[in-house]
């Protein structure tokens, strides 16, 4: 078992809820503080980065 991990489904669920709440708060803050133009720039940069990556081959397992 990894260090710091708890093997308890209930504790894990509570941690997941905390993580989700933190994620929602962080996302809401980003949306409120970031202009739509800036979001567009971020998305365009991500799109261009994706286009520049070499193709990834996915081979079926035999």
N, C-alpha and C. Protein backbone atom coordinates (compact mmCIF):
# COMPACT_ATOMS: atom_id res chain seq x y z
N UNK A 1 0.85 -1.18 0.00
CA UNK A 1 0.00 0.00 0.00
C UNK A 1 0.89 1.24 0.00
N UNK A 2 0.48 2.26 -0.73
CA UNK A 2 1.27 3.48 -0.80
C UNK A 2 1.22 4.22 0.53
N UNK A 3 2.34 4.85 0.85
CA UNK A 3 2.40 5.60 2.09
C UNK A 3 1.45 6.78 2.02
N UNK A 4 0.73 7.02 3.11
CA UNK A 4 -0.21 8.13 3.15
C UNK A 4 -1.59 7.79 2.63
N UNK A 5 -1.76 6.62 2.05
CA UNK A 5 -3.06 6.20 1.54
C UNK A 5 -3.79 5.43 2.63
N UNK A 6 -5.08 5.64 2.70
CA UNK A 6 -5.90 4.95 3.68
C UNK A 6 -6.73 3.90 2.95
N UNK A 7 -6.72 2.69 3.45
CA UNK A 7 -7.50 1.62 2.84
C UNK A 7 -8.86 1.55 3.53
N UNK A 8 -9.64 2.60 3.37
CA UNK A 8 -10.96 2.68 3.98
C UNK A 8 -11.87 3.38 2.99
N UNK A 9 -12.84 2.65 2.41
CA UNK A 9 -13.71 3.26 1.39
C UNK A 9 -14.44 4.50 1.88
N UNK A 10 -14.88 4.51 3.14
CA UNK A 10 -15.60 5.67 3.64
C UNK A 10 -14.69 6.89 3.74
N UNK A 11 -13.48 6.69 4.23
CA UNK A 11 -12.53 7.79 4.32
C UNK A 11 -12.18 8.28 2.93
N UNK A 12 -12.05 7.36 1.99
CA UNK A 12 -11.72 7.70 0.62
C UNK A 12 -12.84 8.55 0.00
N UNK A 13 -14.09 8.16 0.25
CA UNK A 13 -15.22 8.92 -0.28
C UNK A 13 -15.23 10.33 0.28
N UNK A 14 -14.95 10.47 1.58
CA UNK A 14 -14.92 11.80 2.19
C UNK A 14 -13.81 12.65 1.58
N UNK A 15 -12.67 12.04 1.33
CA UNK A 15 -11.55 12.76 0.71
C UNK A 15 -11.92 13.17 -0.71
N UNK A 16 -12.59 12.28 -1.45
CA UNK A 16 -13.02 12.60 -2.81
C UNK A 16 -13.97 13.79 -2.81
N UNK A 17 -14.86 13.86 -1.83
CA UNK A 17 -15.80 14.98 -1.74
C UNK A 17 -15.03 16.27 -1.47
N UNK A 18 -14.04 16.21 -0.58
CA UNK A 18 -13.22 17.40 -0.30
C UNK A 18 -12.46 17.82 -1.55
N UNK A 19 -11.88 16.85 -2.25
CA UNK A 19 -11.14 17.16 -3.47
C UNK A 19 -12.06 17.78 -4.52
N UNK A 20 -13.27 17.24 -4.65
CA UNK A 20 -14.21 17.77 -5.63
C UNK A 20 -14.64 19.19 -5.28
N UNK A 21 -14.89 19.44 -4.00
CA UNK A 21 -15.27 20.79 -3.57
C UNK A 21 -14.15 21.78 -3.85
N UNK A 22 -12.92 21.37 -3.55
CA UNK A 22 -11.77 22.25 -3.81
C UNK A 22 -11.64 22.52 -5.30
N UNK A 23 -11.86 21.50 -6.11
CA UNK A 23 -11.78 21.64 -7.57
C UNK A 23 -12.86 22.61 -8.07
N UNK A 24 -14.06 22.47 -7.57
CA UNK A 24 -15.16 23.34 -7.99
C UNK A 24 -14.87 24.78 -7.59
N UNK A 25 -14.36 24.97 -6.37
CA UNK A 25 -14.04 26.33 -5.92
C UNK A 25 -12.93 26.95 -6.78
N UNK A 26 -11.90 26.16 -7.06
CA UNK A 26 -10.80 26.64 -7.88
C UNK A 26 -11.27 26.99 -9.29
N UNK A 27 -12.12 26.13 -9.85
CA UNK A 27 -12.65 26.37 -11.19
C UNK A 27 -13.53 27.61 -11.22
N UNK A 28 -14.38 27.76 -10.22
CA UNK A 28 -15.25 28.94 -10.15
C UNK A 28 -14.43 30.22 -10.07
N UNK A 29 -13.37 30.17 -9.26
CA UNK A 29 -12.50 31.34 -9.11
C UNK A 29 -11.84 31.68 -10.44
N UNK A 30 -11.36 30.65 -11.16
CA UNK A 30 -10.73 30.86 -12.47
C UNK A 30 -11.71 31.51 -13.44
N UNK A 31 -12.94 31.00 -13.47
CA UNK A 31 -13.95 31.52 -14.40
C UNK A 31 -14.28 32.98 -14.07
N UNK A 32 -14.39 33.30 -12.78
CA UNK A 32 -14.73 34.67 -12.38
C UNK A 32 -13.60 35.65 -12.69
N UNK A 33 -12.34 35.20 -12.52
CA UNK A 33 -11.21 36.13 -12.62
C UNK A 33 -10.57 36.19 -14.01
N UNK A 34 -10.93 35.28 -14.89
CA UNK A 34 -10.27 35.21 -16.20
C UNK A 34 -11.23 35.69 -17.28
N UNK A 35 -10.72 36.59 -18.10
CA UNK A 35 -11.57 37.11 -19.18
C UNK A 35 -11.77 36.03 -20.24
N UNK A 36 -12.83 36.19 -21.00
CA UNK A 36 -13.13 35.24 -22.06
C UNK A 36 -12.03 35.25 -23.12
N UNK A 37 -11.47 36.42 -23.39
CA UNK A 37 -10.37 36.51 -24.36
C UNK A 37 -9.16 35.71 -23.88
N UNK A 38 -8.85 35.78 -22.59
CA UNK A 38 -7.72 35.03 -22.04
C UNK A 38 -7.99 33.53 -22.11
N UNK A 39 -9.22 33.12 -21.83
CA UNK A 39 -9.57 31.71 -21.93
C UNK A 39 -9.41 31.23 -23.37
N UNK A 40 -9.78 32.07 -24.32
CA UNK A 40 -9.64 31.73 -25.73
C UNK A 40 -8.17 31.56 -26.08
N UNK A 41 -7.31 32.45 -25.58
CA UNK A 41 -5.87 32.34 -25.82
C UNK A 41 -5.31 31.03 -25.25
N UNK A 42 -5.75 30.67 -24.05
CA UNK A 42 -5.30 29.43 -23.41
C UNK A 42 -5.71 28.23 -24.26
N UNK A 43 -6.96 28.23 -24.72
CA UNK A 43 -7.47 27.12 -25.52
C UNK A 43 -6.73 27.03 -26.86
N UNK A 44 -6.45 28.16 -27.47
CA UNK A 44 -5.75 28.17 -28.75
C UNK A 44 -4.32 27.65 -28.58
N UNK A 45 -3.66 28.04 -27.50
CA UNK A 45 -2.31 27.55 -27.24
C UNK A 45 -2.32 26.04 -27.04
N UNK A 46 -3.31 25.53 -26.33
CA UNK A 46 -3.42 24.08 -26.12
C UNK A 46 -3.69 23.36 -27.43
N UNK A 47 -4.52 23.95 -28.28
CA UNK A 47 -4.83 23.34 -29.57
C UNK A 47 -3.58 23.27 -30.45
N UNK A 48 -2.83 24.37 -30.49
CA UNK A 48 -1.61 24.39 -31.30
C UNK A 48 -0.57 23.40 -30.77
N UNK A 49 -0.46 23.31 -29.46
CA UNK A 49 0.47 22.35 -28.85
C UNK A 49 0.09 20.93 -29.25
N UNK A 50 -1.20 20.64 -29.23
CA UNK A 50 -1.68 19.31 -29.61
C UNK A 50 -1.37 19.02 -31.08
N UNK A 51 -1.53 20.01 -31.94
CA UNK A 51 -1.24 19.84 -33.37
C UNK A 51 0.24 19.59 -33.63
N UNK A 52 1.11 20.13 -32.78
CA UNK A 52 2.55 20.00 -32.97
C UNK A 52 3.09 18.65 -32.49
N UNK A 53 2.34 17.95 -31.67
CA UNK A 53 2.79 16.66 -31.15
C UNK A 53 2.84 15.63 -32.27
N UNK A 54 3.83 14.74 -32.19
CA UNK A 54 3.86 13.67 -33.18
C UNK A 54 2.67 12.73 -32.98
N UNK A 55 2.26 12.03 -34.02
CA UNK A 55 1.12 11.13 -33.88
C UNK A 55 1.42 10.01 -32.89
N UNK A 56 0.42 9.59 -32.18
CA UNK A 56 0.56 8.49 -31.23
C UNK A 56 -0.11 7.26 -31.82
N UNK A 57 0.66 6.22 -31.95
CA UNK A 57 0.13 4.98 -32.51
C UNK A 57 -0.47 4.13 -31.40
N UNK A 58 -1.65 3.67 -31.62
CA UNK A 58 -2.31 2.78 -30.68
C UNK A 58 -2.44 1.43 -31.38
N UNK A 59 -1.68 0.47 -30.89
CA UNK A 59 -1.70 -0.85 -31.49
C UNK A 59 -2.57 -1.79 -30.67
N UNK A 60 -3.40 -2.58 -31.31
CA UNK A 60 -4.23 -3.52 -30.56
C UNK A 60 -3.37 -4.59 -29.90
N UNK A 61 -3.80 -4.99 -28.73
CA UNK A 61 -3.08 -6.05 -28.04
C UNK A 61 -3.45 -7.40 -28.67
N UNK A 62 -2.46 -8.26 -28.81
CA UNK A 62 -2.70 -9.57 -29.39
C UNK A 62 -3.13 -10.57 -28.33
